[in-house]
Amino acid sequence: MNKQSRGFTLIELIVVILILGIIGAIAAPRFMDLTSNARAASLNGLRGAIQSATALANALQVAQKLTSNANVTIEGTGVIMKNRYPDGSNAGIQLAVRADSTAFLSAAAGGIVTWGAQGTTLGGTCSFTYTEATATQPPQIGAAVNATGCQ
């Protein structure tokens, strides 16, 4: 009687499990840090959007020949200006940017707005600030966010 077996032997299954374990041990650390990289990348994208919004608001005010503290309208929304740039309040830069509140945290106080990614702490290493313009300086936007601070 000729028996033909179908399926895998125990040794073949053990080899496959070992190979998968080795691949998992090598690949898992590479994918574990994706959250902090994604948070940092989204904040740096928001930082670029803020730079663009300040330039746009400034250009609108200059093009319309308005005084340095006259408000501008960006896509139907009134934005409060200070020294030719959006001020550091909820009615200034935050309206000019219109950042997604489900993705970003923000707080405004004393002409400074702090932005951070959801799931992090504002003011920590995974955030940056916008300081409104003065009579002699344009607005100051904090440095780019590093992924190591967004854990």
C-alpha atoms as a PDB file:
ATOM      1  CA  MET A   1       0.000   0.000   0.000  1.00  0.00           C
ATOM      2  CA  ASN A   2       1.465   3.314  -1.097  1.00  0.00           C
ATOM      3  CA  LYS A   3       0.735   6.187   1.315  1.00  0.00           C
ATOM      4  CA  GLN A   4       1.314   9.721   0.191  1.00  0.00           C
ATOM      5  CA  SER A   5       1.288  12.220   2.982  1.00  0.00           C
ATOM      6  CA  ARG A   6       0.021  15.711   2.561  1.00  0.00           C
ATOM      7  CA  GLY A   7       0.906  18.704   4.662  1.00  0.00           C
ATOM      8  CA  PHE A   8       4.042  19.890   6.412  1.00  0.00           C
ATOM      9  CA  THR A   9       6.398  18.000   8.627  1.00  0.00           C
ATOM     10  CA  LEU A  10       7.110  19.174  12.142  1.00  0.00           C
ATOM     11  CA  ILE A  11      10.599  20.303  11.163  1.00  0.00           C
ATOM     12  CA  GLU A  12       9.286  22.416   8.295  1.00  0.00           C
ATOM     13  CA  LEU A  13       6.804  24.143  10.628  1.00  0.00           C
ATOM     14  CA  ILE A  14       9.520  24.845  13.205  1.00  0.00           C
ATOM     15  CA  VAL A  15      11.795  26.352  10.544  1.00  0.00           C
ATOM     16  CA  VAL A  16       9.015  28.635   9.306  1.00  0.00           C
ATOM     17  CA  ILE A  17       8.231  29.759  12.870  1.00  0.00           C
ATOM     18  CA  LEU A  18      11.916  30.492  13.497  1.00  0.00           C
ATOM     19  CA  ILE A  19      12.199  32.519  10.292  1.00  0.00           C
ATOM     20  CA  LEU A  20       9.095  34.534  11.195  1.00  0.00           C
ATOM     21  CA  GLY A  21      10.472  35.131  14.687  1.00  0.00           C
ATOM     22  CA  ILE A  22      13.770  36.411  13.320  1.00  0.00           C
ATOM     23  CA  ILE A  23      12.027  38.710  10.844  1.00  0.00           C
ATOM     24  CA  GLY A  24       9.753  39.988  13.618  1.00  0.00           C
ATOM     25  CA  ALA A  25      12.682  40.684  15.930  1.00  0.00           C
ATOM     26  CA  ILE A  26      14.444  42.689  13.232  1.00  0.00           C
ATOM     27  CA  ALA A  27      11.433  44.520  11.792  1.00  0.00           C
ATOM     28  CA  ALA A  28       9.434  45.321  14.949  1.00  0.00           C
ATOM     29  CA  PRO A  29      11.789  48.018  16.324  1.00  0.00           C
ATOM     30  CA  ARG A  30      11.697  49.808  12.991  1.00  0.00           C
ATOM     31  CA  PHE A  31       7.919  50.149  13.092  1.00  0.00           C
ATOM     32  CA  MET A  32       7.515  50.959  16.779  1.00  0.00           C
ATOM     33  CA  ASP A  33       8.721  54.541  16.375  1.00  0.00           C
ATOM     34  CA  LEU A  34       6.280  55.488  13.616  1.00  0.00           C
ATOM     35  CA  THR A  35       3.922  57.338  15.973  1.00  0.00           C
ATOM     36  CA  SER A  36       6.530  59.833  17.124  1.00  0.00           C
ATOM     37  CA  ASN A  37       7.724  60.358  13.547  1.00  0.00           C
ATOM     38  CA  ALA A  38       4.140  60.954  12.384  1.00  0.00           C
ATOM     39  CA  ARG A  39       3.481  63.464  15.177  1.00  0.00           C
ATOM     40  CA  ALA A  40       6.667  65.367  14.420  1.00  0.00           C
ATOM     41  CA  ALA A  41       5.944  65.379  10.678  1.00  0.00           C
ATOM     42  CA  SER A  42       2.393  66.653  11.178  1.00  0.00           C
ATOM     43  CA  LEU A  43       3.592  69.425  13.494  1.00  0.00           C
ATOM     44  CA  ASN A  44       6.289  70.446  11.040  1.00  0.00           C
ATOM     45  CA  GLY A  45       3.629  70.551   8.322  1.00  0.00           C
ATOM     46  CA  LEU A  46       1.496  72.780  10.539  1.00  0.00           C
ATOM     47  CA  ARG A  47       4.539  74.962  11.180  1.00  0.00           C
ATOM     48  CA  GLY A  48       4.910  75.442   7.407  1.00  0.00           C
ATOM     49  CA  ALA A  49       1.200  76.242   7.105  1.00  0.00           C
ATOM     50  CA  ILE A  50       1.590  78.917   9.788  1.00  0.00           C
ATOM     51  CA  GLN A  51       4.520  80.467   7.942  1.00  0.00           C
ATOM     52  CA  SER A  52       2.421  80.554   4.762  1.00  0.00           C
ATOM     53  CA  ALA A  53      -0.615  81.993   6.576  1.00  0.00           C
ATOM     54  CA  THR A  54       1.431  84.813   8.091  1.00  0.00           C
ATOM     55  CA  ALA A  55       2.893  85.678   4.698  1.00  0.00           C
ATOM     56  CA  LEU A  56      -0.554  85.564   3.059  1.00  0.00           C
ATOM     57  CA  ALA A  57      -2.161  87.755   5.713  1.00  0.00           C
ATOM     58  CA  ASN A  58       0.706  90.238   5.490  1.00  0.00           C
ATOM     59  CA  ALA A  59       0.459  90.335   1.693  1.00  0.00           C
ATOM     60  CA  LEU A  60      -3.315  90.895   1.838  1.00  0.00           C
ATOM     61  CA  GLN A  61      -2.931  93.776   4.250  1.00  0.00           C
ATOM     62  CA  VAL A  62      -0.200  95.436   2.186  1.00  0.00           C
ATOM     63  CA  ALA A  63      -2.038  94.863  -1.122  1.00  0.00           C
ATOM     64  CA  GLN A  64      -5.220  96.402   0.272  1.00  0.00           C
ATOM     65  CA  LYS A  65      -3.212  99.380   1.615  1.00  0.00           C
ATOM     66  CA  LEU A  66      -4.559  98.918   5.142  1.00  0.00           C
ATOM     67  CA  THR A  67      -2.970 100.310   8.294  1.00  0.00           C
ATOM     68  CA  SER A  68      -0.674  97.993  10.253  1.00  0.00           C
ATOM     69  CA  ASN A  69      -3.333  96.954  12.783  1.00  0.00           C
ATOM     70  CA  ALA A  70      -6.325  96.781  10.428  1.00  0.00           C
ATOM     71  CA  ASN A  71      -7.979  93.368  10.239  1.00  0.00           C
ATOM     72  CA  VAL A  72      -8.001  91.375   7.002  1.00  0.00           C
ATOM     73  CA  THR A  73     -10.507  88.891   5.656  1.00  0.00           C
ATOM     74  CA  ILE A  74      -9.159  85.520   4.557  1.00  0.00           C
ATOM     75  CA  GLU A  75     -11.739  83.353   2.781  1.00  0.00           C
ATOM     76  CA  GLY A  76     -14.613  85.107   4.527  1.00  0.00           C
ATOM     77  CA  THR A  77     -13.035  84.986   7.993  1.00  0.00           C
ATOM     78  CA  GLY A  78     -11.903  88.162   9.744  1.00  0.00           C
ATOM     79  CA  VAL A  79      -8.365  87.849  11.106  1.00  0.00           C
ATOM     80  CA  ILE A  80      -7.077  90.256  13.761  1.00  0.00           C
ATOM     81  CA  MET A  81      -3.745  91.774  12.774  1.00  0.00           C
ATOM     82  CA  LYS A  82      -0.984  93.347  14.824  1.00  0.00           C
ATOM     83  CA  ASN A  83       2.019  95.057  13.229  1.00  0.00           C
ATOM     84  CA  ARG A  84       0.997  93.756   9.792  1.00  0.00           C
ATOM     85  CA  TYR A  85       0.819  90.073  10.848  1.00  0.00           C
ATOM     86  CA  PRO A  86      -1.862  87.918  12.517  1.00  0.00           C
ATOM     87  CA  ASP A  87      -1.818  88.459  16.258  1.00  0.00           C
ATOM     88  CA  GLY A  88      -1.160  85.688  18.750  1.00  0.00           C
ATOM     89  CA  SER A  89      -4.754  84.926  19.708  1.00  0.00           C
ATOM     90  CA  ASN A  90      -7.653  82.672  18.833  1.00  0.00           C
ATOM     91  CA  ALA A  91      -8.972  85.393  16.502  1.00  0.00           C
ATOM     92  CA  GLY A  92      -5.582  85.998  14.862  1.00  0.00           C
ATOM     93  CA  ILE A  93      -3.187  83.314  13.685  1.00  0.00           C
ATOM     94  CA  GLN A  94      -5.499  80.483  14.685  1.00  0.00           C
ATOM     95  CA  LEU A  95      -8.222  81.775  12.356  1.00  0.00           C
ATOM     96  CA  ALA A  96      -5.704  82.418   9.590  1.00  0.00           C
ATOM     97  CA  VAL A  97      -4.418  78.830   9.760  1.00  0.00           C
ATOM     98  CA  ARG A  98      -7.612  76.966  10.704  1.00  0.00           C
ATOM     99  CA  ALA A  99      -5.733  73.912  11.973  1.00  0.00           C
ATOM    100  CA  ASP A 100      -7.691  70.704  12.533  1.00  0.00           C
ATOM    101  CA  SER A 101      -8.568  70.582  16.240  1.00  0.00           C
ATOM    102  CA  THR A 102      -8.834  66.789  16.142  1.00  0.00           C
ATOM    103  CA  ALA A 103      -5.170  66.538  15.157  1.00  0.00           C
ATOM    104  CA  PHE A 104      -3.616  69.479  17.001  1.00  0.00           C
ATOM    105  CA  LEU A 105      -3.793  71.080  20.435  1.00  0.00           C
ATOM    106  CA  SER A 106      -3.370  74.828  20.805  1.00  0.00           C
ATOM    107  CA  ALA A 107      -3.409  77.433  23.532  1.00  0.00           C
ATOM    108  CA  ALA A 108      -3.061  81.206  23.248  1.00  0.00           C
ATOM    109  CA  ALA A 109      -1.869  83.505  26.017  1.00  0.00           C
ATOM    110  CA  GLY A 110      -0.132  86.875  26.002  1.00  0.00           C
ATOM    111  CA  GLY A 111       0.507  87.036  22.257  1.00  0.00           C
ATOM    112  CA  ILE A 112       1.998  83.534  22.134  1.00  0.00           C
ATOM    113  CA  VAL A 113       0.224  80.511  20.685  1.00  0.00           C
ATOM    114  CA  THR A 114       1.556  77.046  21.458  1.00  0.00           C
ATOM    115  CA  TRP A 115       0.723  74.129  19.158  1.00  0.00           C
ATOM    116  CA  GLY A 116       1.197  70.433  19.842  1.00  0.00           C
ATOM    117  CA  ALA A 117       0.051  67.108  18.455  1.00  0.00           C
ATOM    118  CA  GLN A 118      -2.956  65.365  19.995  1.00  0.00           C
ATOM    119  CA  GLY A 119      -1.783  62.827  22.542  1.00  0.00           C
ATOM    120  CA  THR A 120       1.133  64.978  23.720  1.00  0.00           C
ATOM    121  CA  THR A 121       1.587  67.736  26.290  1.00  0.00           C
ATOM    122  CA  LEU A 122       1.536  71.366  25.185  1.00  0.00           C
ATOM    123  CA  GLY A 123       4.760  73.188  25.929  1.00  0.00           C
ATOM    124  CA  GLY A 124       6.787  69.987  25.906  1.00  0.00           C
ATOM    125  CA  THR A 125       9.341  68.886  23.352  1.00  0.00           C
ATOM    126  CA  CYS A 126       6.605  67.921  20.880  1.00  0.00           C
ATOM    127  CA  SER A 127       5.270  71.438  20.362  1.00  0.00           C
ATOM    128  CA  PHE A 128       6.248  74.822  18.952  1.00  0.00           C
ATOM    129  CA  THR A 129       5.176  78.417  19.479  1.00  0.00           C
ATOM    130  CA  TYR A 130       4.069  81.412  17.436  1.00  0.00           C
ATOM    131  CA  THR A 131       4.951  84.761  19.003  1.00  0.00           C
ATOM    132  CA  GLU A 132       3.113  87.718  17.473  1.00  0.00           C
ATOM    133  CA  ALA A 133       5.000  90.443  15.636  1.00  0.00           C
ATOM    134  CA  THR A 134       6.375  93.489  17.367  1.00  0.00           C
ATOM    135  CA  ALA A 135       6.893  96.941  15.881  1.00  0.00           C
ATOM    136  CA  THR A 136      10.416  95.961  14.833  1.00  0.00           C
ATOM    137  CA  GLN A 137      10.262  92.164  14.367  1.00  0.00           C
ATOM    138  CA  PRO A 138       8.063  89.841  12.304  1.00  0.00           C
ATOM    139  CA  PRO A 139       6.342  86.993  14.163  1.00  0.00           C
ATOM    140  CA  GLN A 140       8.662  84.359  15.601  1.00  0.00           C
ATOM    141  CA  ILE A 141       7.811  80.732  14.853  1.00  0.00           C
ATOM    142  CA  GLY A 142       9.532  78.071  16.966  1.00  0.00           C
ATOM    143  CA  ALA A 143      12.069  75.613  15.611  1.00  0.00           C
ATOM    144  CA  ALA A 144      11.084  72.458  13.753  1.00  0.00           C
ATOM    145  CA  VAL A 145       9.936  69.589  15.971  1.00  0.00           C
ATOM    146  CA  ASN A 146      12.226  66.588  16.402  1.00  0.00           C
ATOM    147  CA  ALA A 147      10.694  63.085  16.430  1.00  0.00           C
ATOM    148  CA  THR A 148      12.591  62.088  19.574  1.00  0.00           C
ATOM    149  CA  GLY A 149      10.552  64.587  21.577  1.00  0.00           C
ATOM    150  CA  CYS A 150       7.190  63.259  20.343  1.00  0.00           C
ATOM    151  CA  GLN A 151       7.094  59.913  22.114  1.00  0.00           C
END
